[in-house]
Amino acid sequence: MIDSKTTPTALFEQHALRGRFNAAFFRTMNPYLEKSLGPHKRRVFADLPDEVVEIGAGTGANLRHLAPGSTLIAVEPNRFMHQPLRDAARRHGVHLNLRERMAEETGLLDQSVDAVISSLVLCSVLDPSAVLAEIRRVLRPGGTFRFVEHVVAAQRTPTRTMQRIFRRPWAWTFEGCSCERDLESSIRSAGFATVEIERYRIHSPFMTFNTQIAGVATA
């Protein structure tokens, strides 16, 4: 079990091999993931403001959804993601404010931002409830949390069985990622004023990953 106070540097020094692997994996898989998830991202990430916070910004997969000249406050604890993220920000003309922090403690001021985004992140944070509370804390009234996440499948389905079987190796490979989190319920119960969620399914070789949600929660 990882102590919730573990620093990003200490955490990724412990798991440097996986940190490097995940940085390379997501940089390589970016075109495939965008093909599968792009329509849902374009819907929920439409009309973002000029300054956006992203938790788990990774190697910059979502920069294409920000307007050139805008600013991304990127909360990304995996230092092996940082250089690809900087390179991607330059390519897309986005100003980057990179923070090597965990999503549970962004260091941002209360009610200081209008939009927070995430994609394929809440599955791997240490404490989803704490992260959602942190997102609510930093959002101004009326601000939005926009998300694209993979979630647990329905009980007694082949996908759910596969998620259960591959739970441990999946989590080890992808830095703690759980394919069994009911993130829809977590978001709906996090105290947002309104929550709109679309459930959908993608078809990929990674069967445990195929049940997805996308939506917008308003503070």
C-alpha atoms as a PDB file:
ATOM      1  CA  MET A   1       0.000   0.000   0.000  1.00  0.00           C
ATOM      2  CA  ILE A   2       1.335   3.427  -0.934  1.00  0.00           C
ATOM      3  CA  ASP A   3       1.311   6.136   1.717  1.00  0.00           C
ATOM      4  CA  SER A   4      -0.930   9.000   0.559  1.00  0.00           C
ATOM      5  CA  LYS A   5       1.864  11.407   1.532  1.00  0.00           C
ATOM      6  CA  THR A   6       4.421   9.774  -0.764  1.00  0.00           C
ATOM      7  CA  THR A   7       6.016  12.438  -2.950  1.00  0.00           C
ATOM      8  CA  PRO A   8       5.889  12.135  -6.745  1.00  0.00           C
ATOM      9  CA  THR A   9       9.684  11.953  -6.897  1.00  0.00           C
ATOM     10  CA  ALA A  10       9.891   9.123  -4.359  1.00  0.00           C
ATOM     11  CA  LEU A  11       7.004   7.251  -5.968  1.00  0.00           C
ATOM     12  CA  PHE A  12       8.489   7.257  -9.465  1.00  0.00           C
ATOM     13  CA  GLU A  13      12.005   6.541  -8.255  1.00  0.00           C
ATOM     14  CA  GLN A  14      10.527   3.361  -6.755  1.00  0.00           C
ATOM     15  CA  HIS A  15       8.905   2.442 -10.070  1.00  0.00           C
ATOM     16  CA  ALA A  16      11.237   4.004 -12.635  1.00  0.00           C
ATOM     17  CA  LEU A  17      10.942   1.089 -15.060  1.00  0.00           C
ATOM     18  CA  ARG A  18       7.154   1.335 -15.136  1.00  0.00           C
ATOM     19  CA  GLY A  19       7.320   5.116 -15.339  1.00  0.00           C
ATOM     20  CA  ARG A  20       9.496   4.918 -18.443  1.00  0.00           C
ATOM     21  CA  PHE A  21       7.364   2.141 -19.938  1.00  0.00           C
ATOM     22  CA  ASN A  22       4.136   4.084 -19.470  1.00  0.00           C
ATOM     23  CA  ALA A  23       5.610   7.248 -20.950  1.00  0.00           C
ATOM     24  CA  ALA A  24       6.723   5.302 -24.040  1.00  0.00           C
ATOM     25  CA  PHE A  25       3.493   3.270 -24.210  1.00  0.00           C
ATOM     26  CA  PHE A  26       1.128   6.238 -24.153  1.00  0.00           C
ATOM     27  CA  ARG A  27       3.257   8.267 -26.559  1.00  0.00           C
ATOM     28  CA  THR A  28       3.192   5.333 -28.997  1.00  0.00           C
ATOM     29  CA  MET A  29      -0.497   4.540 -28.474  1.00  0.00           C
ATOM     30  CA  ASN A  30      -1.662   8.161 -28.719  1.00  0.00           C
ATOM     31  CA  PRO A  31      -2.900   7.931 -32.351  1.00  0.00           C
ATOM     32  CA  TYR A  32      -4.838   4.725 -31.650  1.00  0.00           C
ATOM     33  CA  LEU A  33      -6.373   6.068 -28.437  1.00  0.00           C
ATOM     34  CA  GLU A  34      -7.329   9.317 -30.148  1.00  0.00           C
ATOM     35  CA  LYS A  35      -9.075   7.396 -32.921  1.00  0.00           C
ATOM     36  CA  SER A  36     -11.145   5.507 -30.335  1.00  0.00           C
ATOM     37  CA  LEU A  37     -11.740   8.290 -27.819  1.00  0.00           C
ATOM     38  CA  GLY A  38     -11.441  11.405 -29.987  1.00  0.00           C
ATOM     39  CA  PRO A  39     -15.164  11.872 -30.735  1.00  0.00           C
ATOM     40  CA  HIS A  40     -15.991  11.758 -27.029  1.00  0.00           C
ATOM     41  CA  LYS A  41     -13.129  14.089 -26.147  1.00  0.00           C
ATOM     42  CA  ARG A  42     -14.179  16.586 -28.803  1.00  0.00           C
ATOM     43  CA  ARG A  43     -17.662  16.651 -27.321  1.00  0.00           C
ATOM     44  CA  VAL A  44     -16.766  17.145 -23.651  1.00  0.00           C
ATOM     45  CA  PHE A  45     -13.639  19.262 -24.253  1.00  0.00           C
ATOM     46  CA  ALA A  46     -15.409  21.674 -26.625  1.00  0.00           C
ATOM     47  CA  ASP A  47     -15.118  25.406 -25.898  1.00  0.00           C
ATOM     48  CA  LEU A  48     -12.542  25.126 -23.137  1.00  0.00           C
ATOM     49  CA  PRO A  49     -11.425  28.442 -21.594  1.00  0.00           C
ATOM     50  CA  ASP A  50      -8.004  29.994 -22.169  1.00  0.00           C
ATOM     51  CA  GLU A  51      -6.628  28.432 -18.967  1.00  0.00           C
ATOM     52  CA  VAL A  52      -7.226  24.761 -18.192  1.00  0.00           C
ATOM     53  CA  VAL A  53      -6.004  22.414 -15.465  1.00  0.00           C
ATOM     54  CA  GLU A  54      -5.354  18.811 -16.444  1.00  0.00           C
ATOM     55  CA  ILE A  55      -4.754  16.105 -13.878  1.00  0.00           C
ATOM     56  CA  GLY A  56      -2.498  13.399 -15.235  1.00  0.00           C
ATOM     57  CA  ALA A  57      -1.554  15.278 -18.387  1.00  0.00           C
ATOM     58  CA  GLY A  58       0.739  12.425 -19.445  1.00  0.00           C
ATOM     59  CA  THR A  59       2.586  12.982 -22.707  1.00  0.00           C
ATOM     60  CA  GLY A  60       0.119  15.610 -23.956  1.00  0.00           C
ATOM     61  CA  ALA A  61      -2.609  13.604 -25.668  1.00  0.00           C
ATOM     62  CA  ASN A  62      -5.226  16.274 -24.923  1.00  0.00           C
ATOM     63  CA  LEU A  63      -3.266  19.313 -26.066  1.00  0.00           C
ATOM     64  CA  ARG A  64      -4.882  19.044 -29.509  1.00  0.00           C
ATOM     65  CA  HIS A  65      -8.184  19.947 -27.836  1.00  0.00           C
ATOM     66  CA  LEU A  66      -6.854  23.260 -26.474  1.00  0.00           C
ATOM     67  CA  ALA A  67      -6.730  26.437 -28.516  1.00  0.00           C
ATOM     68  CA  PRO A  68      -3.268  27.659 -29.571  1.00  0.00           C
ATOM     69  CA  GLY A  69      -2.117  30.376 -27.187  1.00  0.00           C
ATOM     70  CA  SER A  70      -4.029  28.962 -24.234  1.00  0.00           C
ATOM     71  CA  THR A  71      -2.397  27.824 -20.983  1.00  0.00           C
ATOM     72  CA  LEU A  72      -2.378  24.306 -19.576  1.00  0.00           C
ATOM     73  CA  ILE A  73      -1.662  23.817 -15.895  1.00  0.00           C
ATOM     74  CA  ALA A  74      -0.501  20.206 -16.080  1.00  0.00           C
ATOM     75  CA  VAL A  75      -0.483  18.146 -12.905  1.00  0.00           C
ATOM     76  CA  GLU A  76       1.724  15.162 -13.786  1.00  0.00           C
ATOM     77  CA  PRO A  77       3.740  13.219 -11.190  1.00  0.00           C
ATOM     78  CA  ASN A  78       5.532  10.903 -13.639  1.00  0.00           C
ATOM     79  CA  ARG A  79       8.712  12.773 -14.551  1.00  0.00           C
ATOM     80  CA  PHE A  80       9.281  10.487 -17.550  1.00  0.00           C
ATOM     81  CA  MET A  81       6.189  12.054 -19.140  1.00  0.00           C
ATOM     82  CA  HIS A  82       7.520  15.590 -18.753  1.00  0.00           C
ATOM     83  CA  GLN A  83       9.768  16.008 -21.795  1.00  0.00           C
ATOM     84  CA  PRO A  84       7.241  14.539 -24.264  1.00  0.00           C
ATOM     85  CA  LEU A  85       4.626  16.789 -22.670  1.00  0.00           C
ATOM     86  CA  ARG A  86       6.829  19.879 -23.119  1.00  0.00           C
ATOM     87  CA  ASP A  87       7.530  18.908 -26.729  1.00  0.00           C
ATOM     88  CA  ALA A  88       3.823  18.430 -27.436  1.00  0.00           C
ATOM     89  CA  ALA A  89       2.954  21.785 -25.863  1.00  0.00           C
ATOM     90  CA  ARG A  90       5.437  23.513 -28.164  1.00  0.00           C
ATOM     91  CA  ARG A  91       3.997  21.733 -31.222  1.00  0.00           C
ATOM     92  CA  HIS A  92       0.460  22.790 -30.329  1.00  0.00           C
ATOM     93  CA  GLY A  93       1.382  26.346 -29.318  1.00  0.00           C
ATOM     94  CA  VAL A  94       0.091  25.909 -25.762  1.00  0.00           C
ATOM     95  CA  HIS A  95       1.748  27.593 -22.769  1.00  0.00           C
ATOM     96  CA  LEU A  96       2.658  24.909 -20.229  1.00  0.00           C
ATOM     97  CA  ASN A  97       2.680  25.311 -16.450  1.00  0.00           C
ATOM     98  CA  LEU A  98       3.964  21.888 -15.388  1.00  0.00           C
ATOM     99  CA  ARG A  99       3.539  20.730 -11.795  1.00  0.00           C
ATOM    100  CA  GLU A 100       5.180  17.520 -10.564  1.00  0.00           C
ATOM    101  CA  ARG A 101       2.487  16.802  -8.006  1.00  0.00           C
ATOM    102  CA  MET A 102      -0.117  14.191  -7.167  1.00  0.00           C
ATOM    103  CA  ALA A 103      -3.708  14.941  -8.200  1.00  0.00           C
ATOM    104  CA  GLU A 104      -4.877  14.784  -4.575  1.00  0.00           C
ATOM    105  CA  GLU A 105      -2.899  17.970  -3.811  1.00  0.00           C
ATOM    106  CA  THR A 106      -2.549  20.256  -6.830  1.00  0.00           C
ATOM    107  CA  GLY A 107      -1.295  23.262  -4.854  1.00  0.00           C
ATOM    108  CA  LEU A 108      -3.814  25.526  -6.620  1.00  0.00           C
ATOM    109  CA  LEU A 109      -5.847  28.145  -4.769  1.00  0.00           C
ATOM    110  CA  ASP A 110      -9.466  27.632  -3.793  1.00  0.00           C
ATOM    111  CA  GLN A 111     -11.954  28.510  -6.562  1.00  0.00           C
ATOM    112  CA  SER A 112      -9.169  29.632  -8.886  1.00  0.00           C
ATOM    113  CA  VAL A 113      -9.919  27.907 -12.210  1.00  0.00           C
ATOM    114  CA  ASP A 114     -12.827  27.519 -14.611  1.00  0.00           C
ATOM    115  CA  ALA A 115     -12.076  24.088 -16.084  1.00  0.00           C
ATOM    116  CA  VAL A 116     -10.358  20.848 -15.093  1.00  0.00           C
ATOM    117  CA  ILE A 117      -9.989  17.968 -17.526  1.00  0.00           C
ATOM    118  CA  SER A 118      -8.911  14.342 -17.254  1.00  0.00           C
ATOM    119  CA  SER A 119      -8.697  11.315 -19.497  1.00  0.00           C
ATOM    120  CA  LEU A 120      -7.790   7.800 -18.357  1.00  0.00           C
ATOM    121  CA  VAL A 121      -6.535   9.139 -15.031  1.00  0.00           C
ATOM    122  CA  LEU A 122      -9.047   8.519 -12.225  1.00  0.00           C
ATOM    123  CA  CYS A 123      -8.449   4.798 -12.681  1.00  0.00           C
ATOM    124  CA  SER A 124      -4.900   5.148 -11.374  1.00  0.00           C
ATOM    125  CA  VAL A 125      -4.953   7.889  -8.716  1.00  0.00           C
ATOM    126  CA  LEU A 126      -4.389   6.777  -5.136  1.00  0.00           C
ATOM    127  CA  ASP A 127      -7.739   8.107  -3.865  1.00  0.00           C
ATOM    128  CA  PRO A 128     -10.441   9.036  -6.425  1.00  0.00           C
ATOM    129  CA  SER A 129     -12.672  10.642  -3.775  1.00  0.00           C
ATOM    130  CA  ALA A 130      -9.825  12.889  -2.619  1.00  0.00           C
ATOM    131  CA  VAL A 131      -9.014  13.866  -6.215  1.00  0.00           C
ATOM    132  CA  LEU A 132     -12.645  14.729  -6.953  1.00  0.00           C
ATOM    133  CA  ALA A 133     -12.804  16.792  -3.764  1.00  0.00           C
ATOM    134  CA  GLU A 134      -9.632  18.604  -4.852  1.00  0.00           C
ATOM    135  CA  ILE A 135     -11.163  19.310  -8.261  1.00  0.00           C
ATOM    136  CA  ARG A 136     -14.273  20.765  -6.623  1.00  0.00           C
ATOM    137  CA  ARG A 137     -12.076  22.859  -4.327  1.00  0.00           C
ATOM    138  CA  VAL A 138     -10.136  24.538  -7.134  1.00  0.00           C
ATOM    139  CA  LEU A 139     -13.130  25.102  -9.456  1.00  0.00           C
ATOM    140  CA  ARG A 140     -14.955  28.397  -9.364  1.00  0.00           C
ATOM    141  CA  PRO A 141     -18.755  28.222  -8.986  1.00  0.00           C
ATOM    142  CA  GLY A 142     -20.064  27.228 -12.412  1.00  0.00           C
ATOM    143  CA  GLY A 143     -16.690  25.818 -13.433  1.00  0.00           C
ATOM    144  CA  THR A 144     -16.585  22.422 -15.107  1.00  0.00           C
ATOM    145  CA  PHE A 145     -14.780  19.128 -14.713  1.00  0.00           C
ATOM    146  CA  ARG A 146     -14.682  17.371 -18.083  1.00  0.00           C
ATOM    147  CA  PHE A 147     -13.641  13.736 -18.177  1.00  0.00           C
ATOM    148  CA  VAL A 148     -13.138  10.675 -20.372  1.00  0.00           C
ATOM    149  CA  GLU A 149     -12.454   7.590 -18.252  1.00  0.00           C
ATOM    150  CA  HIS A 150     -12.593   3.824 -18.387  1.00  0.00           C
ATOM    151  CA  VAL A 151     -14.771   2.120 -15.769  1.00  0.00           C
ATOM    152  CA  VAL A 152     -15.896  -1.189 -14.331  1.00  0.00           C
ATOM    153  CA  ALA A 153     -18.169  -3.279 -16.550  1.00  0.00           C
ATOM    154  CA  ALA A 154     -21.594  -4.535 -15.513  1.00  0.00           C
ATOM    155  CA  GLN A 155     -21.725  -7.586 -13.282  1.00  0.00           C
ATOM    156  CA  ARG A 156     -21.955 -11.039 -14.879  1.00  0.00           C
ATOM    157  CA  THR A 157     -20.582  -9.907 -18.250  1.00  0.00           C
ATOM    158  CA  PRO A 158     -17.530 -11.290 -20.086  1.00  0.00           C
ATOM    159  CA  THR A 159     -15.793  -7.925 -19.775  1.00  0.00           C
ATOM    160  CA  ARG A 160     -16.325  -7.876 -16.013  1.00  0.00           C
ATOM    161  CA  THR A 161     -14.869 -11.368 -15.749  1.00  0.00           C
ATOM    162  CA  MET A 162     -11.793 -10.299 -17.710  1.00  0.00           C
ATOM    163  CA  GLN A 163     -11.386  -7.224 -15.514  1.00  0.00           C
ATOM    164  CA  ARG A 164     -11.404  -9.429 -12.441  1.00  0.00           C
ATOM    165  CA  ILE A 165      -8.906 -11.915 -13.907  1.00  0.00           C
ATOM    166  CA  PHE A 166      -6.425  -9.277 -15.102  1.00  0.00           C
ATOM    167  CA  ARG A 167      -6.845  -6.869 -12.184  1.00  0.00           C
ATOM    168  CA  ARG A 168      -3.430  -7.462 -10.595  1.00  0.00           C
ATOM    169  CA  PRO A 169      -1.168  -7.608 -13.691  1.00  0.00           C
ATOM    170  CA  TRP A 170      -3.050  -4.653 -15.215  1.00  0.00           C
ATOM    171  CA  ALA A 171      -2.500  -2.562 -12.090  1.00  0.00           C
ATOM    172  CA  TRP A 172       1.183  -3.509 -11.856  1.00  0.00           C
ATOM    173  CA  THR A 173       1.859  -2.681 -15.507  1.00  0.00           C
ATOM    174  CA  PHE A 174      -0.051   0.599 -15.617  1.00  0.00           C
ATOM    175  CA  GLU A 175       1.122   2.239 -12.385  1.00  0.00           C
ATOM    176  CA  GLY A 176      -1.775   1.239 -10.143  1.00  0.00           C
ATOM    177  CA  CYS A 177      -4.517   1.552 -12.768  1.00  0.00           C
ATOM    178  CA  SER A 178      -7.673  -0.273 -11.670  1.00  0.00           C
ATOM    179  CA  CYS A 179     -10.047  -1.646 -14.278  1.00  0.00           C
ATOM    180  CA  GLU A 180     -12.659  -2.246 -11.565  1.00  0.00           C
ATOM    181  CA  ARG A 181     -13.497   1.269 -10.339  1.00  0.00           C
ATOM    182  CA  ASP A 182     -17.083   2.475 -10.486  1.00  0.00           C
ATOM    183  CA  LEU A 183     -16.048   6.004 -11.383  1.00  0.00           C
ATOM    184  CA  GLU A 184     -19.506   7.018 -12.541  1.00  0.00           C
ATOM    185  CA  SER A 185     -20.844   6.535  -9.013  1.00  0.00           C
ATOM    186  CA  SER A 186     -17.790   8.309  -7.579  1.00  0.00           C
ATOM    187  CA  ILE A 187     -18.327  11.373  -9.764  1.00  0.00           C
ATOM    188  CA  ARG A 188     -22.085  11.468  -9.173  1.00  0.00           C
ATOM    189  CA  SER A 189     -21.588  11.342  -5.396  1.00  0.00           C
ATOM    190  CA  ALA A 190     -18.733  13.889  -5.272  1.00  0.00           C
ATOM    191  CA  GLY A 191     -20.957  16.893  -4.589  1.00  0.00           C
ATOM    192  CA  PHE A 192     -21.038  18.613  -7.982  1.00  0.00           C
ATOM    193  CA  ALA A 193     -24.087  20.767  -8.730  1.00  0.00           C
ATOM    194  CA  THR A 194     -24.854  18.876 -11.937  1.00  0.00           C
ATOM    195  CA  VAL A 195     -23.370  15.811 -13.613  1.00  0.00           C
ATOM    196  CA  GLU A 196     -23.927  14.660 -17.201  1.00  0.00           C
ATOM    197  CA  ILE A 197     -22.448  11.300 -18.182  1.00  0.00           C
ATOM    198  CA  GLU A 198     -22.524   9.264 -21.379  1.00  0.00           C
ATOM    199  CA  ARG A 199     -21.728   5.556 -21.172  1.00  0.00           C
ATOM    200  CA  TYR A 200     -20.214   3.897 -24.219  1.00  0.00           C
ATOM    201  CA  ARG A 201     -18.019   1.032 -25.264  1.00  0.00           C
ATOM    202  CA  ILE A 202     -14.976   0.920 -27.483  1.00  0.00           C
ATOM    203  CA  HIS A 203     -13.632  -2.194 -29.179  1.00  0.00           C
ATOM    204  CA  SER A 204      -9.953  -2.832 -28.583  1.00  0.00           C
ATOM    205  CA  PRO A 205      -7.668  -5.786 -27.875  1.00  0.00           C
ATOM    206  CA  PHE A 206      -7.546  -4.526 -24.267  1.00  0.00           C
ATOM    207  CA  MET A 207     -10.937  -5.916 -23.298  1.00  0.00           C
ATOM    208  CA  THR A 208     -10.669  -4.772 -19.679  1.00  0.00           C
ATOM    209  CA  PHE A 209     -10.421  -1.184 -20.954  1.00  0.00           C
ATOM    210  CA  ASN A 210     -13.444  -1.172 -23.265  1.00  0.00           C
ATOM    211  CA  THR A 211     -16.177   0.122 -20.932  1.00  0.00           C
ATOM    212  CA  GLN A 212     -15.994   3.904 -20.829  1.00  0.00           C
ATOM    213  CA  ILE A 213     -17.718   7.089 -19.684  1.00  0.00           C
ATOM    214  CA  ALA A 214     -17.423  10.711 -20.814  1.00  0.00           C
ATOM    215  CA  GLY A 215     -19.106  13.703 -19.282  1.00  0.00           C
ATOM    216  CA  VAL A 216     -19.179  17.104 -17.625  1.00  0.00           C
ATOM    217  CA  ALA A 217     -19.627  17.863 -13.932  1.00  0.00           C
ATOM    218  CA  THR A 218     -20.394  21.459 -12.932  1.00  0.00           C
ATOM    219  CA  ALA A 219     -19.339  22.971  -9.611  1.00  0.00           C
END
